[in-house]
Amino acid sequence: MEFDSKSVNRHYQALSDTARWQLGNLLMMENSPMLWFYVQRTDSRFKRKSEKEVCDEFLKCKFEKYQTTFNNYMGDDGSYKLNAKPVPYPSPAIPSDKVSRNIFQAAQPRKTIGEVFESLTIKPAFPLVNRARVQLTTPLFHT
């Protein structure tokens, strides 16, 4: 979530991930995004990463766009037959969000996402980086 008030944004972003998610769910009610939960044993040797840490790592990554194809079955007279022609499928889909779309279009295999932000003169503020990360790396993200 982002607020019009810089002070409210600063306090909201300073909350722990869990507190931020809870507050967001309460304020957005039925418009709240679906949350994903990951379970980990308390004695795990792996430290849980915060969203901020994940976003910082995202800025250091390099990505290459790709396109794939898929096969499908076509219905015909009550039966299904494999369509002989594969269907092209761009993945990930180009985001409709203007900032994420610009990042997607500027991404190159030799540049980190942080360098892409810099080349587009985008300040890598946490909410913006997190939104771009979700829109650019989540295969089922829509809109």
C-alpha atoms as a PDB file:
ATOM      1  CA  MET A   1       0.000   0.000   0.000  1.00  0.00           C
ATOM      2  CA  GLU A   2       1.031   3.580  -0.580  1.00  0.00           C
ATOM      3  CA  PHE A   3      -0.464   6.619   1.096  1.00  0.00           C
ATOM      4  CA  ASP A   4      -0.640  10.285   0.073  1.00  0.00           C
ATOM      5  CA  SER A   5       1.097  11.322   3.291  1.00  0.00           C
ATOM      6  CA  LYS A   6       4.883  10.850   3.350  1.00  0.00           C
ATOM      7  CA  SER A   7       4.734  10.520   7.136  1.00  0.00           C
ATOM      8  CA  VAL A   8       2.134   7.737   6.994  1.00  0.00           C
ATOM      9  CA  ASN A   9       4.142   5.968   4.257  1.00  0.00           C
ATOM     10  CA  ARG A  10       7.306   6.166   6.345  1.00  0.00           C
ATOM     11  CA  HIS A  11       5.567   4.681   9.411  1.00  0.00           C
ATOM     12  CA  TYR A  12       3.819   2.000   7.335  1.00  0.00           C
ATOM     13  CA  GLN A  13       7.046   0.926   5.612  1.00  0.00           C
ATOM     14  CA  ALA A  14       8.840   0.781   8.989  1.00  0.00           C
ATOM     15  CA  LEU A  15       6.444  -1.948  10.199  1.00  0.00           C
ATOM     16  CA  SER A  16       7.471  -5.596  10.099  1.00  0.00           C
ATOM     17  CA  ASP A  17       6.261  -7.596   7.095  1.00  0.00           C
ATOM     18  CA  THR A  18       3.600  -9.300   9.191  1.00  0.00           C
ATOM     19  CA  ALA A  19       2.256  -6.065  10.695  1.00  0.00           C
ATOM     20  CA  ARG A  20       2.258  -4.396   7.250  1.00  0.00           C
ATOM     21  CA  TRP A  21       0.339  -7.331   5.722  1.00  0.00           C
ATOM     22  CA  GLN A  22      -2.206  -7.339   8.550  1.00  0.00           C
ATOM     23  CA  LEU A  23      -2.791  -3.594   8.300  1.00  0.00           C
ATOM     24  CA  GLY A  24      -3.066  -3.801   4.507  1.00  0.00           C
ATOM     25  CA  ASN A  25      -5.645  -6.593   4.765  1.00  0.00           C
ATOM     26  CA  LEU A  26      -7.692  -4.582   7.260  1.00  0.00           C
ATOM     27  CA  LEU A  27      -7.634  -1.388   5.191  1.00  0.00           C
ATOM     28  CA  MET A  28      -8.234  -3.000   1.799  1.00  0.00           C
ATOM     29  CA  MET A  29     -10.861  -5.486   3.031  1.00  0.00           C
ATOM     30  CA  GLU A  30     -12.191  -7.452   0.022  1.00  0.00           C
ATOM     31  CA  ASN A  31      -9.756  -5.670  -2.326  1.00  0.00           C
ATOM     32  CA  SER A  32      -6.808  -7.090  -0.423  1.00  0.00           C
ATOM     33  CA  PRO A  33      -4.432  -9.141  -2.577  1.00  0.00           C
ATOM     34  CA  MET A  34      -4.149 -12.862  -2.070  1.00  0.00           C
ATOM     35  CA  LEU A  35      -1.396 -13.643   0.406  1.00  0.00           C
ATOM     36  CA  TRP A  36       0.978 -16.573   0.087  1.00  0.00           C
ATOM     37  CA  PHE A  37       2.176 -18.284   3.226  1.00  0.00           C
ATOM     38  CA  TYR A  38       5.320 -20.321   3.529  1.00  0.00           C
ATOM     39  CA  VAL A  39       5.864 -22.607   6.485  1.00  0.00           C
ATOM     40  CA  GLN A  40       9.267 -23.186   7.989  1.00  0.00           C
ATOM     41  CA  ARG A  41      10.416 -25.015  11.089  1.00  0.00           C
ATOM     42  CA  THR A  42      11.711 -22.776  13.874  1.00  0.00           C
ATOM     43  CA  ASP A  43      14.933 -24.807  13.992  1.00  0.00           C
ATOM     44  CA  SER A  44      15.564 -24.437  10.242  1.00  0.00           C
ATOM     45  CA  ARG A  45      19.105 -23.492   9.252  1.00  0.00           C
ATOM     46  CA  PHE A  46      17.637 -21.065   6.702  1.00  0.00           C
ATOM     47  CA  LYS A  47      16.873 -17.535   7.870  1.00  0.00           C
ATOM     48  CA  ARG A  48      13.532 -16.101   6.747  1.00  0.00           C
ATOM     49  CA  LYS A  49      14.084 -13.195   4.376  1.00  0.00           C
ATOM     50  CA  SER A  50      12.018 -10.055   4.770  1.00  0.00           C
ATOM     51  CA  GLU A  51      10.306  -8.519   1.754  1.00  0.00           C
ATOM     52  CA  LYS A  52      12.915  -5.745   1.912  1.00  0.00           C
ATOM     53  CA  GLU A  53      15.746  -8.301   1.670  1.00  0.00           C
ATOM     54  CA  VAL A  54      14.010 -10.047  -1.247  1.00  0.00           C
ATOM     55  CA  CYS A  55      13.606  -6.680  -3.011  1.00  0.00           C
ATOM     56  CA  ASP A  56      17.267  -5.791  -2.424  1.00  0.00           C
ATOM     57  CA  GLU A  57      18.256  -9.126  -4.006  1.00  0.00           C
ATOM     58  CA  PHE A  58      15.831  -8.506  -6.892  1.00  0.00           C
ATOM     59  CA  LEU A  59      17.663  -5.244  -7.706  1.00  0.00           C
ATOM     60  CA  LYS A  60      20.927  -7.228  -8.033  1.00  0.00           C
ATOM     61  CA  CYS A  61      19.468  -9.802 -10.462  1.00  0.00           C
ATOM     62  CA  LYS A  62      19.759  -9.881 -14.222  1.00  0.00           C
ATOM     63  CA  PHE A  63      16.898 -11.178 -16.330  1.00  0.00           C
ATOM     64  CA  GLU A  64      16.466 -12.311 -19.884  1.00  0.00           C
ATOM     65  CA  LYS A  65      13.102 -12.258 -21.634  1.00  0.00           C
ATOM     66  CA  TYR A  66      11.975 -15.455 -23.233  1.00  0.00           C
ATOM     67  CA  GLN A  67       9.093 -16.849 -25.180  1.00  0.00           C
ATOM     68  CA  THR A  68       7.819 -20.369 -25.128  1.00  0.00           C
ATOM     69  CA  THR A  69       5.040 -22.358 -26.736  1.00  0.00           C
ATOM     70  CA  PHE A  70       2.383 -24.688 -25.422  1.00  0.00           C
ATOM     71  CA  ASN A  71       0.335 -27.464 -26.936  1.00  0.00           C
ATOM     72  CA  ASN A  72      -3.376 -27.785 -26.442  1.00  0.00           C
ATOM     73  CA  TYR A  73      -6.209 -30.118 -27.270  1.00  0.00           C
ATOM     74  CA  MET A  74      -9.120 -29.082 -29.468  1.00  0.00           C
ATOM     75  CA  GLY A  75     -12.629 -30.407 -28.984  1.00  0.00           C
ATOM     76  CA  ASP A  76     -14.250 -31.987 -32.015  1.00  0.00           C
ATOM     77  CA  ASP A  77     -17.482 -34.027 -32.121  1.00  0.00           C
ATOM     78  CA  GLY A  78     -17.314 -34.999 -28.444  1.00  0.00           C
ATOM     79  CA  SER A  79     -13.639 -35.962 -28.472  1.00  0.00           C
ATOM     80  CA  TYR A  80     -10.384 -34.079 -28.064  1.00  0.00           C
ATOM     81  CA  LYS A  81      -7.435 -34.142 -30.431  1.00  0.00           C
ATOM     82  CA  LEU A  82      -3.978 -32.679 -29.955  1.00  0.00           C
ATOM     83  CA  ASN A  83      -3.633 -29.475 -31.952  1.00  0.00           C
ATOM     84  CA  ALA A  84      -0.582 -30.091 -34.155  1.00  0.00           C
ATOM     85  CA  LYS A  85       0.471 -26.438 -34.126  1.00  0.00           C
ATOM     86  CA  PRO A  86       2.076 -25.160 -30.875  1.00  0.00           C
ATOM     87  CA  VAL A  87       0.735 -21.831 -29.635  1.00  0.00           C
ATOM     88  CA  PRO A  88       3.287 -19.065 -28.891  1.00  0.00           C
ATOM     89  CA  TYR A  89       3.143 -17.840 -25.300  1.00  0.00           C
ATOM     90  CA  PRO A  90       5.134 -14.826 -24.133  1.00  0.00           C
ATOM     91  CA  SER A  91       6.194 -15.212 -20.532  1.00  0.00           C
ATOM     92  CA  PRO A  92       6.161 -13.284 -18.401  1.00  0.00           C
ATOM     93  CA  ALA A  93       3.285 -11.235 -19.747  1.00  0.00           C
ATOM     94  CA  ILE A  94       3.976  -7.538 -20.295  1.00  0.00           C
ATOM     95  CA  PRO A  95       2.625  -5.699 -17.225  1.00  0.00           C
ATOM     96  CA  SER A  96      -0.139  -3.140 -17.700  1.00  0.00           C
ATOM     97  CA  ASP A  97       1.355  -0.973 -14.926  1.00  0.00           C
ATOM     98  CA  LYS A  98       3.324   1.771 -16.739  1.00  0.00           C
ATOM     99  CA  VAL A  99       6.410   1.726 -14.497  1.00  0.00           C
ATOM    100  CA  SER A 100       6.684  -2.074 -14.503  1.00  0.00           C
ATOM    101  CA  ARG A 101       6.113  -2.135 -18.275  1.00  0.00           C
ATOM    102  CA  ASN A 102       8.971   0.371 -18.770  1.00  0.00           C
ATOM    103  CA  ILE A 103      11.244  -1.755 -16.569  1.00  0.00           C
ATOM    104  CA  PHE A 104      10.239  -4.879 -18.516  1.00  0.00           C
ATOM    105  CA  GLN A 105      10.993  -3.201 -21.844  1.00  0.00           C
ATOM    106  CA  ALA A 106      14.358  -1.838 -20.642  1.00  0.00           C
ATOM    107  CA  ALA A 107      15.528  -5.110 -19.052  1.00  0.00           C
ATOM    108  CA  GLN A 108      18.550  -6.676 -20.730  1.00  0.00           C
ATOM    109  CA  PRO A 109      20.559  -9.777 -19.790  1.00  0.00           C
ATOM    110  CA  ARG A 110      23.692  -7.709 -19.120  1.00  0.00           C
ATOM    111  CA  LYS A 111      21.980  -5.207 -16.780  1.00  0.00           C
ATOM    112  CA  THR A 112      20.819  -5.729 -13.217  1.00  0.00           C
ATOM    113  CA  ILE A 113      17.300  -4.565 -12.392  1.00  0.00           C
ATOM    114  CA  GLY A 114      18.934  -1.898 -10.204  1.00  0.00           C
ATOM    115  CA  GLU A 115      20.814  -0.646 -13.280  1.00  0.00           C
ATOM    116  CA  VAL A 116      17.544  -0.656 -15.229  1.00  0.00           C
ATOM    117  CA  PHE A 117      15.928   1.481 -12.498  1.00  0.00           C
ATOM    118  CA  GLU A 118      18.921   3.838 -12.685  1.00  0.00           C
ATOM    119  CA  SER A 119      18.794   4.067 -16.503  1.00  0.00           C
ATOM    120  CA  LEU A 120      15.098   4.986 -16.281  1.00  0.00           C
ATOM    121  CA  THR A 121      15.806   7.447 -13.434  1.00  0.00           C
ATOM    122  CA  ILE A 122      13.441   5.570 -11.141  1.00  0.00           C
ATOM    123  CA  LYS A 123      14.170   5.871  -7.437  1.00  0.00           C
ATOM    124  CA  PRO A 124      14.169   2.282  -6.087  1.00  0.00           C
ATOM    125  CA  ALA A 125      11.806   2.919  -3.174  1.00  0.00           C
ATOM    126  CA  PHE A 126      10.665  -0.292  -1.461  1.00  0.00           C
ATOM    127  CA  PRO A 127       6.951  -0.134  -2.466  1.00  0.00           C
ATOM    128  CA  LEU A 128       7.844   0.462  -6.118  1.00  0.00           C
ATOM    129  CA  VAL A 129      10.535  -2.243  -6.196  1.00  0.00           C
ATOM    130  CA  ASN A 130       8.210  -4.703  -4.486  1.00  0.00           C
ATOM    131  CA  ARG A 131       5.356  -4.021  -6.926  1.00  0.00           C
ATOM    132  CA  ALA A 132       7.708  -4.340  -9.926  1.00  0.00           C
ATOM    133  CA  ARG A 133       9.188  -7.552  -8.494  1.00  0.00           C
ATOM    134  CA  VAL A 134       5.746  -9.136  -8.121  1.00  0.00           C
ATOM    135  CA  GLN A 135       4.587  -7.979 -11.562  1.00  0.00           C
ATOM    136  CA  LEU A 136       7.765  -9.042 -13.340  1.00  0.00           C
ATOM    137  CA  THR A 137       8.556 -12.341 -11.630  1.00  0.00           C
ATOM    138  CA  THR A 138       5.205 -13.853 -10.715  1.00  0.00           C
ATOM    139  CA  PRO A 139       3.976 -15.978 -13.622  1.00  0.00           C
ATOM    140  CA  LEU A 140       0.301 -15.788 -12.730  1.00  0.00           C
ATOM    141  CA  PHE A 141       0.245 -12.062 -11.971  1.00  0.00           C
ATOM    142  CA  HIS A 142      -2.536 -10.376 -13.953  1.00  0.00           C
ATOM    143  CA  THR A 143      -2.988  -6.657 -14.759  1.00  0.00           C
END
